């Protein structure tokens, strides 16, 4: 697909917000929910695998690490094949 966005999910989506505990959208549980929805959307689009640079995302800030791993683990547990361009 040459780097085009074909599926996305965000914690600010109205349908996702109602699943967050106490309306908290910036924690690991929320990231996992976003990952679940993104995984479903990736599968609907028929995308066999995605590329990501996980290390680049981790380097953005220590406070975000748990959310990044929650998202990645959620995608993987839902069967999304992730090619990590950083080799993690």
C-alpha atoms as a PDB file:
ATOM      1  CA  UNK A   1       0.000   0.000   0.000  1.00  0.00           C
ATOM      2  CA  UNK A   2       3.082   2.276  -0.009  1.00  0.00           C
ATOM      3  CA  UNK A   3       2.580   3.850   3.391  1.00  0.00           C
ATOM      4  CA  UNK A   4      -1.014   4.972   3.017  1.00  0.00           C
ATOM      5  CA  UNK A   5      -3.349   4.818   5.994  1.00  0.00           C
ATOM      6  CA  UNK A   6      -6.071   2.254   5.328  1.00  0.00           C
ATOM      7  CA  UNK A   7      -7.259   1.599   8.888  1.00  0.00           C
ATOM      8  CA  UNK A   8      -7.203   3.666  12.051  1.00  0.00           C
ATOM      9  CA  UNK A   9      -8.662   3.791  15.550  1.00  0.00           C
ATOM     10  CA  UNK A  10      -8.473   6.484  18.190  1.00  0.00           C
ATOM     11  CA  UNK A  11      -9.319   6.869  21.859  1.00  0.00           C
ATOM     12  CA  UNK A  12     -11.317   9.992  21.003  1.00  0.00           C
ATOM     13  CA  UNK A  13     -13.853   8.096  18.880  1.00  0.00           C
ATOM     14  CA  UNK A  14     -17.305   8.333  20.423  1.00  0.00           C
ATOM     15  CA  UNK A  15     -17.979   4.594  20.136  1.00  0.00           C
ATOM     16  CA  UNK A  16     -14.712   3.735  21.891  1.00  0.00           C
ATOM     17  CA  UNK A  17     -15.030   6.279  24.699  1.00  0.00           C
ATOM     18  CA  UNK A  18     -17.982   4.483  26.248  1.00  0.00           C
ATOM     19  CA  UNK A  19     -15.780   1.425  26.912  1.00  0.00           C
ATOM     20  CA  UNK A  20     -13.186   3.290  28.988  1.00  0.00           C
ATOM     21  CA  UNK A  21     -13.226   3.109  32.774  1.00  0.00           C
ATOM     22  CA  UNK A  22     -14.244   6.466  34.271  1.00  0.00           C
ATOM     23  CA  UNK A  23     -13.776   8.045  30.833  1.00  0.00           C
ATOM     24  CA  UNK A  24      -9.998   7.494  31.057  1.00  0.00           C
ATOM     25  CA  UNK A  25      -8.686   7.387  27.515  1.00  0.00           C
ATOM     26  CA  UNK A  26      -4.956   7.741  28.156  1.00  0.00           C
ATOM     27  CA  UNK A  27      -3.984   4.535  29.918  1.00  0.00           C
ATOM     28  CA  UNK A  28      -2.882   1.032  28.958  1.00  0.00           C
ATOM     29  CA  UNK A  29      -6.410  -0.407  29.162  1.00  0.00           C
ATOM     30  CA  UNK A  30      -7.658   2.224  26.739  1.00  0.00           C
ATOM     31  CA  UNK A  31      -4.709   1.522  24.428  1.00  0.00           C
ATOM     32  CA  UNK A  32      -5.602  -2.178  24.439  1.00  0.00           C
ATOM     33  CA  UNK A  33      -9.209  -1.371  23.511  1.00  0.00           C
ATOM     34  CA  UNK A  34      -7.985   0.839  20.668  1.00  0.00           C
ATOM     35  CA  UNK A  35      -5.728  -2.034  19.574  1.00  0.00           C
ATOM     36  CA  UNK A  36      -8.665  -4.450  19.548  1.00  0.00           C
ATOM     37  CA  UNK A  37     -10.726  -2.133  17.344  1.00  0.00           C
ATOM     38  CA  UNK A  38      -7.780  -1.403  15.056  1.00  0.00           C
ATOM     39  CA  UNK A  39      -7.135  -5.135  14.660  1.00  0.00           C
ATOM     40  CA  UNK A  40     -10.741  -5.705  13.601  1.00  0.00           C
ATOM     41  CA  UNK A  41     -10.530  -2.879  11.077  1.00  0.00           C
ATOM     42  CA  UNK A  42      -7.244  -4.196   9.686  1.00  0.00           C
ATOM     43  CA  UNK A  43      -8.818  -7.616   9.181  1.00  0.00           C
ATOM     44  CA  UNK A  44     -11.920  -6.136   7.518  1.00  0.00           C
ATOM     45  CA  UNK A  45      -9.624  -4.392   5.029  1.00  0.00           C
ATOM     46  CA  UNK A  46      -7.943  -7.726   4.271  1.00  0.00           C
ATOM     47  CA  UNK A  47      -4.495  -6.500   5.269  1.00  0.00           C
ATOM     48  CA  UNK A  48      -2.229  -9.537   5.853  1.00  0.00           C
ATOM     49  CA  UNK A  49       0.452  -7.674   7.829  1.00  0.00           C
ATOM     50  CA  UNK A  50       1.498  -4.224   8.950  1.00  0.00           C
ATOM     51  CA  UNK A  51       4.872  -2.527   9.309  1.00  0.00           C
ATOM     52  CA  UNK A  52       5.797  -0.539  12.383  1.00  0.00           C
ATOM     53  CA  UNK A  53       8.916   0.871  13.968  1.00  0.00           C
ATOM     54  CA  UNK A  54       8.163   0.016  17.567  1.00  0.00           C
ATOM     55  CA  UNK A  55      11.475   1.381  18.863  1.00  0.00           C
ATOM     56  CA  UNK A  56      10.767   4.759  17.270  1.00  0.00           C
ATOM     57  CA  UNK A  57       7.439   4.875  19.106  1.00  0.00           C
ATOM     58  CA  UNK A  58       9.048   3.784  22.392  1.00  0.00           C
ATOM     59  CA  UNK A  59      11.677   6.515  22.049  1.00  0.00           C
ATOM     60  CA  UNK A  60       8.966   9.182  22.067  1.00  0.00           C
ATOM     61  CA  UNK A  61       8.707   9.003  25.827  1.00  0.00           C
ATOM     62  CA  UNK A  62       9.071   6.708  28.806  1.00  0.00           C
ATOM     63  CA  UNK A  63       5.556   7.485  30.036  1.00  0.00           C
ATOM     64  CA  UNK A  64       4.074   6.092  26.846  1.00  0.00           C
ATOM     65  CA  UNK A  65       5.829   2.708  26.905  1.00  0.00           C
ATOM     66  CA  UNK A  66       3.071   0.812  28.714  1.00  0.00           C
ATOM     67  CA  UNK A  67       0.449   2.175  26.318  1.00  0.00           C
ATOM     68  CA  UNK A  68       2.521   1.324  23.244  1.00  0.00           C
ATOM     69  CA  UNK A  69       3.074  -2.258  24.417  1.00  0.00           C
ATOM     70  CA  UNK A  70      -0.610  -2.612  25.322  1.00  0.00           C
ATOM     71  CA  UNK A  71      -1.543  -1.569  21.783  1.00  0.00           C
ATOM     72  CA  UNK A  72       1.066  -3.830  20.135  1.00  0.00           C
ATOM     73  CA  UNK A  73       0.143  -6.830  22.305  1.00  0.00           C
ATOM     74  CA  UNK A  74      -3.541  -6.291  21.598  1.00  0.00           C
ATOM     75  CA  UNK A  75      -2.911  -6.256  17.850  1.00  0.00           C
ATOM     76  CA  UNK A  76      -0.783  -9.401  18.066  1.00  0.00           C
ATOM     77  CA  UNK A  77      -3.290 -11.244  20.262  1.00  0.00           C
ATOM     78  CA  UNK A  78      -5.996 -10.486  17.687  1.00  0.00           C
ATOM     79  CA  UNK A  79      -3.878 -12.106  14.966  1.00  0.00           C
ATOM     80  CA  UNK A  80      -2.368  -9.040  13.299  1.00  0.00           C
ATOM     81  CA  UNK A  81       1.078  -9.834  11.906  1.00  0.00           C
ATOM     82  CA  UNK A  82       3.429  -6.962  12.693  1.00  0.00           C
ATOM     83  CA  UNK A  83       6.701  -6.537  10.857  1.00  0.00           C
ATOM     84  CA  UNK A  84       8.838  -4.522  13.243  1.00  0.00           C
ATOM     85  CA  UNK A  85      11.165  -2.401  11.166  1.00  0.00           C
ATOM     86  CA  UNK A  86      13.353  -1.858  14.271  1.00  0.00           C
ATOM     87  CA  UNK A  87      13.689  -5.592  14.890  1.00  0.00           C
ATOM     88  CA  UNK A  88      12.176  -5.793  18.418  1.00  0.00           C
END
